[in-house]
Amino acid sequence: MINSLPSNPLPASLEINLRDPSDYLDVANYLRAQTSSVDSVQDLKVTVGQMIAVANVLRTGGIVVLVVVCLTVLFIIMNTIRLAVMARAEEIEIMRLVAPRMPSSAGRSSSRERSWDCSARSSPSPCCGSSRRL
C-alpha cells in the first residue's frame, strides 16, 4: 500500500520553540531565506491573533446575549407581577377599605397593638390576667 503512493503524504516538519518570543521575526526570516531546505514557514502569530479576535467577538456576543436574556427575564417578571396585581385588583381594593388605618406618627402604636400589649398596661385586663391561655 505504501508503494502505491506517489510521494510521502506527511512531509518532514520541524517545530521550533523560542526562548524569547521577540526573536520570532528574525528566526522566521532566516528560515524563509533557506529556500533549498525549507518549503514554508508557518506564521503562528497571525493564527494566534485571529484566534484572539474570534474569542473577543464570541465574548462580546456572549455578553450581549446575556444582557438580552436578563432584560427579557426582568420584563417577564415585571409583567407577571403586574398581571397578578391586576387579577386581584378587586381583592386589594377591599383589603384597603377594610384594613385598619395606620397612625400618622411613627412613634405611636395603633390601638390594635396597644390592646394586646400586656406589658404596657398598669391595670389587669381579660387578655393579660393569670387566666391567660396561649
N, C-alpha and C. Protein backbone atom coordinates (compact mmCIF):
# COMPACT_ATOMS: atom_id res chain seq x y z
N MET A 1 0.82 -1.19 0.00
CA MET A 1 0.00 0.00 0.00
C MET A 1 0.87 1.26 0.00
N ILE A 2 1.97 1.23 0.77
CA ILE A 2 2.86 2.38 0.81
C ILE A 2 3.51 2.59 -0.56
N ASN A 3 3.79 1.52 -1.26
CA ASN A 3 4.43 1.63 -2.57
C ASN A 3 3.51 2.25 -3.61
N SER A 4 2.20 2.23 -3.37
CA SER A 4 1.26 2.79 -4.34
C SER A 4 1.17 4.32 -4.25
N LEU A 5 1.69 4.92 -3.22
CA LEU A 5 1.65 6.38 -3.07
C LEU A 5 2.75 7.01 -3.92
N PRO A 6 2.45 8.13 -4.62
CA PRO A 6 3.47 8.76 -5.46
C PRO A 6 4.55 9.47 -4.64
N SER A 7 4.15 10.03 -3.49
CA SER A 7 5.13 10.70 -2.63
C SER A 7 4.65 10.57 -1.18
N ASN A 8 5.49 11.02 -0.28
CA ASN A 8 5.16 10.95 1.14
C ASN A 8 4.05 11.95 1.46
N PRO A 9 2.87 11.49 1.95
CA PRO A 9 1.79 12.43 2.25
C PRO A 9 2.05 13.24 3.53
N LEU A 10 2.98 12.79 4.33
CA LEU A 10 3.33 13.50 5.56
C LEU A 10 4.77 13.99 5.45
N PRO A 11 4.97 15.18 4.93
CA PRO A 11 6.34 15.67 4.75
C PRO A 11 7.01 15.94 6.10
N ALA A 12 8.30 15.99 6.08
CA ALA A 12 9.06 16.27 7.30
C ALA A 12 8.76 17.68 7.76
N SER A 13 8.71 17.83 9.06
CA SER A 13 8.45 19.16 9.60
C SER A 13 9.34 19.38 10.82
N LEU A 14 9.52 20.61 11.15
CA LEU A 14 10.37 20.99 12.27
C LEU A 14 9.61 22.00 13.11
N GLU A 15 9.47 21.70 14.40
CA GLU A 15 8.78 22.61 15.31
C GLU A 15 9.83 23.28 16.17
N ILE A 16 9.80 24.60 16.18
CA ILE A 16 10.80 25.38 16.91
C ILE A 16 10.12 26.15 18.02
N ASN A 17 10.60 25.96 19.25
CA ASN A 17 10.12 26.74 20.40
C ASN A 17 11.20 27.74 20.77
N LEU A 18 10.85 29.00 20.78
CA LEU A 18 11.82 30.04 21.07
C LEU A 18 11.85 30.35 22.56
N ARG A 19 13.04 30.62 23.06
CA ARG A 19 13.17 31.06 24.45
C ARG A 19 12.66 32.48 24.62
N ASP A 20 12.93 33.31 23.64
CA ASP A 20 12.49 34.70 23.67
C ASP A 20 11.56 34.93 22.47
N PRO A 21 10.26 35.09 22.70
CA PRO A 21 9.33 35.26 21.58
C PRO A 21 9.60 36.49 20.73
N SER A 22 10.32 37.45 21.25
CA SER A 22 10.61 38.65 20.44
C SER A 22 11.57 38.33 19.29
N ASP A 23 12.26 37.18 19.34
CA ASP A 23 13.15 36.77 18.26
C ASP A 23 12.40 36.08 17.12
N TYR A 24 11.10 36.03 17.20
CA TYR A 24 10.30 35.28 16.22
C TYR A 24 10.54 35.76 14.79
N LEU A 25 10.48 37.06 14.57
CA LEU A 25 10.63 37.57 13.21
C LEU A 25 12.01 37.27 12.63
N ASP A 26 13.06 37.37 13.46
CA ASP A 26 14.40 37.07 12.96
C ASP A 26 14.53 35.60 12.55
N VAL A 27 14.01 34.71 13.39
CA VAL A 27 14.10 33.27 13.09
C VAL A 27 13.25 32.94 11.86
N ALA A 28 12.04 33.49 11.77
CA ALA A 28 11.16 33.22 10.62
C ALA A 28 11.80 33.73 9.32
N ASN A 29 12.39 34.92 9.37
CA ASN A 29 13.04 35.45 8.16
C ASN A 29 14.26 34.60 7.78
N TYR A 30 15.01 34.13 8.76
CA TYR A 30 16.16 33.27 8.47
C TYR A 30 15.71 31.97 7.81
N LEU A 31 14.65 31.37 8.34
CA LEU A 31 14.17 30.10 7.77
C LEU A 31 13.58 30.30 6.38
N ARG A 32 12.91 31.42 6.16
CA ARG A 32 12.37 31.70 4.82
C ARG A 32 13.50 31.88 3.80
N ALA A 33 14.64 32.38 4.27
CA ALA A 33 15.78 32.58 3.36
C ALA A 33 16.41 31.26 2.94
N GLN A 34 16.18 30.20 3.71
CA GLN A 34 16.73 28.87 3.40
C GLN A 34 15.82 28.17 2.39
N THR A 35 15.84 28.61 1.16
CA THR A 35 14.94 28.08 0.14
C THR A 35 15.26 26.65 -0.26
N SER A 36 16.49 26.22 -0.09
CA SER A 36 16.85 24.86 -0.52
C SER A 36 16.31 23.80 0.43
N SER A 37 16.21 24.10 1.72
CA SER A 37 15.78 23.07 2.67
C SER A 37 14.43 23.38 3.32
N VAL A 38 13.92 24.60 3.19
CA VAL A 38 12.65 24.97 3.84
C VAL A 38 11.65 25.35 2.76
N ASP A 39 10.51 24.63 2.75
CA ASP A 39 9.46 24.94 1.78
C ASP A 39 8.59 26.10 2.25
N SER A 40 8.20 26.05 3.52
CA SER A 40 7.33 27.12 4.03
C SER A 40 7.55 27.29 5.53
N VAL A 41 7.24 28.49 5.98
CA VAL A 41 7.30 28.80 7.41
C VAL A 41 5.90 29.21 7.82
N GLN A 42 5.39 28.50 8.80
CA GLN A 42 4.03 28.78 9.26
C GLN A 42 4.08 29.93 10.27
N ASP A 43 3.31 30.96 9.99
CA ASP A 43 3.30 32.15 10.84
C ASP A 43 2.20 32.00 11.88
N LEU A 44 2.57 31.60 13.10
CA LEU A 44 1.59 31.36 14.15
C LEU A 44 1.10 32.63 14.83
N LYS A 45 1.86 33.72 14.68
CA LYS A 45 1.38 34.96 15.29
C LYS A 45 0.08 35.41 14.63
N VAL A 46 -0.01 35.23 13.34
CA VAL A 46 -1.24 35.59 12.64
C VAL A 46 -2.38 34.68 13.10
N THR A 47 -2.09 33.39 13.21
CA THR A 47 -3.11 32.42 13.66
C THR A 47 -3.56 32.73 15.08
N VAL A 48 -2.62 32.99 15.97
CA VAL A 48 -2.96 33.32 17.35
C VAL A 48 -3.74 34.64 17.41
N GLY A 49 -3.34 35.60 16.62
CA GLY A 49 -4.07 36.86 16.56
C GLY A 49 -5.50 36.67 16.08
N GLN A 50 -5.68 35.79 15.09
CA GLN A 50 -7.02 35.51 14.60
C GLN A 50 -7.85 34.80 15.67
N MET A 51 -7.22 33.88 16.39
CA MET A 51 -7.94 33.16 17.45
C MET A 51 -8.34 34.12 18.57
N ILE A 52 -7.48 35.05 18.92
CA ILE A 52 -7.82 36.04 19.96
C ILE A 52 -8.95 36.93 19.48
N ALA A 53 -8.93 37.30 18.20
CA ALA A 53 -10.01 38.13 17.66
C ALA A 53 -11.34 37.39 17.69
N VAL A 54 -11.33 36.11 17.33
CA VAL A 54 -12.55 35.31 17.38
C VAL A 54 -13.04 35.18 18.82
N ALA A 55 -12.12 34.94 19.76
CA ALA A 55 -12.51 34.83 21.17
C ALA A 55 -13.11 36.14 21.68
N ASN A 56 -12.56 37.26 21.28
CA ASN A 56 -13.11 38.56 21.69
C ASN A 56 -14.51 38.78 21.12
N VAL A 57 -14.70 38.39 19.86
CA VAL A 57 -16.02 38.53 19.24
C VAL A 57 -17.03 37.64 19.97
N LEU A 58 -16.62 36.40 20.26
CA LEU A 58 -17.52 35.48 20.98
C LEU A 58 -17.82 36.00 22.39
N ARG A 59 -16.83 36.55 23.06
CA ARG A 59 -17.04 37.10 24.40
C ARG A 59 -18.02 38.27 24.35
N THR A 60 -17.82 39.16 23.39
CA THR A 60 -18.72 40.31 23.25
C THR A 60 -20.13 39.84 22.90
N GLY A 61 -20.23 38.89 22.00
CA GLY A 61 -21.54 38.33 21.65
C GLY A 61 -22.21 37.67 22.84
N GLY A 62 -21.43 36.96 23.65
CA GLY A 62 -21.98 36.32 24.84
C GLY A 62 -22.49 37.33 25.84
N ILE A 63 -21.77 38.43 25.99
CA ILE A 63 -22.22 39.48 26.92
C ILE A 63 -23.50 40.11 26.40
N VAL A 64 -23.58 40.34 25.10
CA VAL A 64 -24.81 40.91 24.52
C VAL A 64 -25.98 39.96 24.73
N VAL A 65 -25.77 38.68 24.48
CA VAL A 65 -26.84 37.69 24.68
C VAL A 65 -27.24 37.64 26.16
N LEU A 66 -26.28 37.71 27.06
CA LEU A 66 -26.56 37.70 28.49
C LEU A 66 -27.41 38.90 28.89
N VAL A 67 -27.07 40.07 28.39
CA VAL A 67 -27.85 41.28 28.70
C VAL A 67 -29.27 41.16 28.15
N VAL A 68 -29.40 40.65 26.94
CA VAL A 68 -30.74 40.49 26.34
C VAL A 68 -31.57 39.50 27.15
N VAL A 69 -30.97 38.39 27.57
CA VAL A 69 -31.69 37.40 28.37
C VAL A 69 -32.09 37.99 29.72
N CYS A 70 -31.18 38.73 30.36
CA CYS A 70 -31.51 39.36 31.65
C CYS A 70 -32.64 40.36 31.51
N LEU A 71 -32.62 41.16 30.46
CA LEU A 71 -33.71 42.12 30.24
C LEU A 71 -35.03 41.40 29.96
N THR A 72 -34.97 40.31 29.22
CA THR A 72 -36.18 39.53 28.94
C THR A 72 -36.75 38.94 30.22
N VAL A 73 -35.88 38.38 31.06
CA VAL A 73 -36.33 37.82 32.34
C VAL A 73 -36.94 38.91 33.21
N LEU A 74 -36.30 40.06 33.28
CA LEU A 74 -36.82 41.18 34.06
C LEU A 74 -38.19 41.61 33.53
N PHE A 75 -38.34 41.68 32.22
CA PHE A 75 -39.61 42.05 31.61
C PHE A 75 -40.70 41.04 31.95
N ILE A 76 -40.36 39.75 31.89
CA ILE A 76 -41.33 38.70 32.21
C ILE A 76 -41.75 38.77 33.68
N ILE A 77 -40.80 38.98 34.57
CA ILE A 77 -41.11 39.08 36.00
C ILE A 77 -42.01 40.28 36.27
N MET A 78 -41.68 41.42 35.69
CA MET A 78 -42.49 42.62 35.89
C MET A 78 -43.92 42.41 35.39
N ASN A 79 -44.06 41.81 34.23
CA ASN A 79 -45.40 41.58 33.68
C ASN A 79 -46.16 40.55 34.50
N THR A 80 -45.49 39.54 35.03
CA THR A 80 -46.15 38.55 35.87
C THR A 80 -46.70 39.20 37.13
N ILE A 81 -45.89 40.05 37.75
CA ILE A 81 -46.35 40.76 38.96
C ILE A 81 -47.51 41.69 38.60
N ARG A 82 -47.40 42.40 37.50
CA ARG A 82 -48.47 43.30 37.08
C ARG A 82 -49.76 42.53 36.82
N LEU A 83 -49.67 41.37 36.17
CA LEU A 83 -50.87 40.57 35.91
C LEU A 83 -51.47 40.04 37.21
N ALA A 84 -50.62 39.64 38.16
CA ALA A 84 -51.13 39.16 39.44
C ALA A 84 -51.86 40.27 40.19
N VAL A 85 -51.32 41.47 40.16
CA VAL A 85 -51.97 42.59 40.83
C VAL A 85 -53.27 42.95 40.13
N MET A 86 -53.27 42.94 38.81
CA MET A 86 -54.50 43.26 38.07
C MET A 86 -55.58 42.21 38.29
N ALA A 87 -55.15 40.93 38.40
CA ALA A 87 -56.13 39.86 38.62
C ALA A 87 -56.76 39.98 40.00
N ARG A 88 -56.05 40.52 40.95
CA ARG A 88 -56.56 40.64 42.31
C ARG A 88 -56.87 42.09 42.68
N ALA A 89 -57.10 42.92 41.70
CA ALA A 89 -57.36 44.34 41.96
C ALA A 89 -58.57 44.54 42.85
N GLU A 90 -59.63 43.78 42.63
CA GLU A 90 -60.82 43.92 43.45
C GLU A 90 -60.55 43.50 44.89
N GLU A 91 -59.83 42.40 45.07
CA GLU A 91 -59.49 41.95 46.42
C GLU A 91 -58.60 42.97 47.14
N ILE A 92 -57.66 43.55 46.41
CA ILE A 92 -56.77 44.55 47.01
C ILE A 92 -57.55 45.78 47.42
N GLU A 93 -58.52 46.18 46.61
CA GLU A 93 -59.34 47.35 46.95
C GLU A 93 -60.17 47.07 48.20
N ILE A 94 -60.73 45.88 48.32
CA ILE A 94 -61.50 45.52 49.52
C ILE A 94 -60.58 45.52 50.73
N MET A 95 -59.38 44.98 50.60
CA MET A 95 -58.44 44.96 51.72
C MET A 95 -58.06 46.38 52.13
N ARG A 96 -57.94 47.28 51.19
CA ARG A 96 -57.64 48.68 51.53
C ARG A 96 -58.78 49.32 52.31
N LEU A 97 -60.00 48.98 51.94
CA LEU A 97 -61.15 49.56 52.62
C LEU A 97 -61.35 48.97 54.02
N VAL A 98 -61.06 47.70 54.20
CA VAL A 98 -61.29 47.01 55.46
C VAL A 98 -60.13 47.16 56.42
N ALA A 99 -58.94 47.29 55.94
CA ALA A 99 -57.74 47.33 56.78
C ALA A 99 -57.77 48.52 57.73
N PRO A 100 -57.25 48.36 58.96
CA PRO A 100 -57.23 49.48 59.92
C PRO A 100 -56.28 50.56 59.44
N ARG A 101 -56.57 51.76 59.83
CA ARG A 101 -55.73 52.89 59.45
C ARG A 101 -54.46 52.89 60.28
N MET A 102 -53.34 53.17 59.64
CA MET A 102 -52.06 53.27 60.35
C MET A 102 -51.97 54.66 60.96
N PRO A 103 -51.35 54.81 62.14
CA PRO A 103 -51.21 56.13 62.76
C PRO A 103 -50.30 57.02 61.93
N SER A 104 -50.51 58.32 62.07
CA SER A 104 -49.73 59.25 61.28
C SER A 104 -48.31 59.41 61.80
N SER A 105 -48.12 59.28 63.13
CA SER A 105 -46.76 59.41 63.66
C SER A 105 -46.17 58.03 63.85
N ALA A 106 -44.90 57.89 63.56
CA ALA A 106 -44.25 56.59 63.62
C ALA A 106 -44.00 56.13 65.05
N GLY A 107 -43.94 57.06 66.02
CA GLY A 107 -43.64 56.69 67.40
C GLY A 107 -44.82 56.09 68.14
N ARG A 108 -46.05 56.39 67.74
CA ARG A 108 -47.22 55.87 68.43
C ARG A 108 -47.61 54.53 67.85
N SER A 109 -48.14 53.66 68.68
CA SER A 109 -48.61 52.37 68.19
C SER A 109 -50.09 52.45 67.96
N SER A 110 -50.60 51.59 67.10
CA SER A 110 -52.02 51.61 66.78
C SER A 110 -52.83 51.07 67.95
N SER A 111 -54.13 51.31 67.92
CA SER A 111 -54.99 50.84 69.00
C SER A 111 -54.99 49.33 69.08
N ARG A 112 -54.87 48.65 67.96
CA ARG A 112 -54.83 47.19 67.97
C ARG A 112 -53.58 46.70 68.71
N GLU A 113 -52.42 47.33 68.46
CA GLU A 113 -51.19 46.93 69.14
C GLU A 113 -51.27 47.23 70.63
N ARG A 114 -51.88 48.37 71.02
CA ARG A 114 -51.97 48.73 72.43
C ARG A 114 -52.89 47.79 73.19
N SER A 115 -53.95 47.30 72.57
CA SER A 115 -54.89 46.46 73.29
C SER A 115 -54.30 45.08 73.60
N TRP A 116 -53.33 44.62 72.84
CA TRP A 116 -52.75 43.31 73.06
C TRP A 116 -51.40 43.38 73.77
N ASP A 117 -50.86 44.55 73.96
CA ASP A 117 -49.56 44.69 74.62
C ASP A 117 -49.77 44.69 76.12
N CYS A 118 -49.53 43.53 76.77
CA CYS A 118 -49.79 43.36 78.19
C CYS A 118 -48.76 44.06 79.05
N SER A 119 -47.56 44.25 78.59
CA SER A 119 -46.53 44.87 79.41
C SER A 119 -46.76 46.36 79.58
N ALA A 120 -47.50 46.99 78.69
CA ALA A 120 -47.74 48.43 78.77
C ALA A 120 -48.93 48.75 79.67
N ARG A 121 -49.70 47.78 80.06
CA ARG A 121 -50.90 48.02 80.88
C ARG A 121 -50.56 48.02 82.36
N SER A 122 -51.13 48.97 83.06
CA SER A 122 -50.96 49.00 84.50
C SER A 122 -52.12 48.30 85.19
N SER A 123 -53.27 48.28 84.57
CA SER A 123 -54.41 47.60 85.16
C SER A 123 -54.59 46.24 84.50
N PRO A 124 -55.08 45.25 85.26
CA PRO A 124 -55.29 43.93 84.66
C PRO A 124 -56.40 43.98 83.62
N SER A 125 -56.23 43.22 82.59
CA SER A 125 -57.26 43.13 81.56
C SER A 125 -57.57 41.67 81.32
N PRO A 126 -58.66 41.36 80.68
CA PRO A 126 -59.02 39.97 80.46
C PRO A 126 -57.97 39.21 79.65
N CYS A 127 -57.23 39.88 78.81
CA CYS A 127 -56.26 39.18 77.99
C CYS A 127 -54.94 38.97 78.72
N CYS A 128 -54.66 39.75 79.76
CA CYS A 128 -53.35 39.70 80.40
C CYS A 128 -53.39 39.15 81.81
N GLY A 129 -54.48 38.67 82.27
CA GLY A 129 -54.58 38.18 83.63
C GLY A 129 -53.92 36.84 83.78
N SER A 130 -54.07 36.28 85.00
CA SER A 130 -53.44 34.99 85.29
C SER A 130 -54.15 33.86 84.57
N SER A 131 -55.37 34.08 84.12
CA SER A 131 -56.10 33.03 83.40
C SER A 131 -55.83 33.10 81.89
N ARG A 132 -54.72 33.65 81.54
CA ARG A 132 -54.35 33.82 80.13
C ARG A 132 -54.03 32.47 79.51
N ARG A 133 -54.59 32.20 78.35
CA ARG A 133 -54.34 30.94 77.64
C ARG A 133 -53.50 31.24 76.40
N LEU A 134 -52.59 30.35 76.13
CA LEU A 134 -51.78 30.51 74.94
C LEU A 134 -52.16 29.54 73.89
